């Protein structure tokens, strides 16, 4: 897949992730304390919920990468982790679908 096309598709996925989280009332208005964002554990699993990590770490970082045309990560395997924490309701299924698509686009 051409890099420009892949980046455009990633922008759509990131925007849809945010929109879906907002629709599900999973989008927080206040950020967590800064020290919670400084975790060195994968997904900040010791300080944040999975969806907090998506909102406060993944989405902003991916937007920064895309806006500044930085190098994309080479692989992504977030879906298996997400499946442990995202509910099976309609919003949850959509979040998992989007995360799966994100993994595919990054790993393409």
Protein backbone atom coordinates (compact mmCIF):
# COMPACT_ATOMS: atom_id res chain seq x y z
CA UNK A 1 0.00 0.00 0.00
CA UNK A 2 1.31 3.43 -0.90
CA UNK A 3 2.46 5.43 2.14
CA UNK A 4 0.17 8.39 1.41
CA UNK A 5 -2.87 6.10 1.12
CA UNK A 6 -1.92 4.26 4.31
CA UNK A 7 -1.52 7.51 6.24
CA UNK A 8 -4.91 8.76 5.01
CA UNK A 9 -6.54 5.49 6.08
CA UNK A 10 -4.86 5.73 9.51
CA UNK A 11 -6.23 9.27 9.95
CA UNK A 12 -9.74 7.96 9.27
CA UNK A 13 -9.30 5.10 11.77
CA UNK A 14 -7.97 7.44 14.48
CA UNK A 15 -10.85 9.89 13.94
CA UNK A 16 -13.39 7.06 14.04
CA UNK A 17 -11.84 5.69 17.23
CA UNK A 18 -12.35 9.05 18.90
CA UNK A 19 -15.89 9.41 17.56
CA UNK A 20 -16.84 5.90 18.71
CA UNK A 21 -15.39 6.48 22.17
CA UNK A 22 -17.35 9.74 22.42
CA UNK A 23 -20.58 8.03 21.34
CA UNK A 24 -20.00 5.35 23.98
CA UNK A 25 -19.35 7.98 26.67
CA UNK A 26 -15.81 6.62 27.03
CA UNK A 27 -14.09 9.90 26.13
CA UNK A 28 -12.80 11.72 29.20
CA UNK A 29 -12.84 15.52 29.42
CA UNK A 30 -10.00 15.79 31.94
CA UNK A 31 -6.62 14.17 31.39
CA UNK A 32 -5.22 11.90 34.07
CA UNK A 33 -2.43 13.33 36.24
CA UNK A 34 0.81 13.66 34.27
CA UNK A 35 2.68 11.09 36.36
CA UNK A 36 0.19 8.41 35.25
CA UNK A 37 1.13 9.07 31.63
CA UNK A 38 4.81 8.49 32.33
CA UNK A 39 4.53 4.75 32.88
CA UNK A 40 7.10 2.61 31.11
CA UNK A 41 4.80 -0.43 31.06
CA UNK A 42 3.16 -1.40 27.75
CA UNK A 43 -0.15 0.43 27.30
CA UNK A 44 0.54 2.16 30.68
CA UNK A 45 -1.22 -0.92 32.05
CA UNK A 46 -0.11 -0.11 35.58
CA UNK A 47 -1.56 3.42 35.58
CA UNK A 48 -4.33 3.74 32.96
CA UNK A 49 -7.29 1.76 31.69
CA UNK A 50 -6.95 0.53 28.12
CA UNK A 51 -9.33 3.19 26.78
CA UNK A 52 -7.52 5.91 28.72
CA UNK A 53 -4.32 4.76 27.03
CA UNK A 54 -6.03 4.93 23.63
CA UNK A 55 -7.32 8.44 24.34
CA UNK A 56 -4.34 10.01 26.06
CA UNK A 57 -1.40 8.16 24.52
CA UNK A 58 -2.17 6.33 21.27
CA UNK A 59 -4.44 8.82 19.51
CA UNK A 60 -2.35 11.94 20.26
CA UNK A 61 0.90 10.18 19.34
CA UNK A 62 -0.50 8.83 16.08
CA UNK A 63 -1.88 12.25 15.16
CA UNK A 64 1.55 13.74 15.84
CA UNK A 65 3.25 11.10 13.68
CA UNK A 66 0.78 11.64 10.85
CA UNK A 67 0.80 15.46 11.00
CA UNK A 68 4.60 15.67 11.09
CA UNK A 69 5.05 12.90 8.54
CA UNK A 70 7.23 10.96 10.98
CA UNK A 71 8.09 7.34 10.36
CA UNK A 72 5.22 5.01 11.14
CA UNK A 73 5.68 2.16 13.60
CA UNK A 74 6.65 -1.03 11.78
CA UNK A 75 4.18 -3.33 13.50
CA UNK A 76 1.15 -3.17 15.77
CA UNK A 77 -0.61 -5.91 17.70
CA UNK A 78 -2.98 -3.98 19.93
CA UNK A 79 -6.12 -6.00 19.14
CA UNK A 80 -5.39 -9.04 21.36
CA UNK A 81 -4.82 -6.73 24.34
CA UNK A 82 -7.90 -4.64 23.51
CA UNK A 83 -10.08 -7.75 23.39
CA UNK A 84 -9.39 -8.31 27.08
CA UNK A 85 -10.71 -4.90 28.12
CA UNK A 86 -13.29 -3.70 25.60
CA UNK A 87 -16.90 -4.76 26.18
CA UNK A 88 -18.83 -6.73 23.59
CA UNK A 89 -21.59 -4.16 23.12
CA UNK A 90 -22.07 -2.44 19.74
CA UNK A 91 -19.62 0.36 20.56
CA UNK A 92 -17.12 -2.19 21.84
CA UNK A 93 -17.37 -4.27 18.68
CA UNK A 94 -16.78 -1.14 16.59
CA UNK A 95 -13.78 -0.15 18.72
CA UNK A 96 -12.30 -3.62 18.27
CA UNK A 97 -12.93 -3.49 14.52
CA UNK A 98 -11.16 -0.13 14.31
CA UNK A 99 -8.24 -1.31 16.43
CA UNK A 100 -7.93 -4.38 14.22
CA UNK A 101 -7.88 -2.14 11.15
CA UNK A 102 -5.24 0.06 12.82
CA UNK A 103 -3.06 -3.03 13.40
CA UNK A 104 -3.49 -4.06 9.75
CA UNK A 105 -2.57 -0.63 8.42
CA UNK A 106 0.49 -0.25 10.63
CA UNK A 107 1.72 -3.78 9.89
CA UNK A 108 1.06 -3.53 6.12
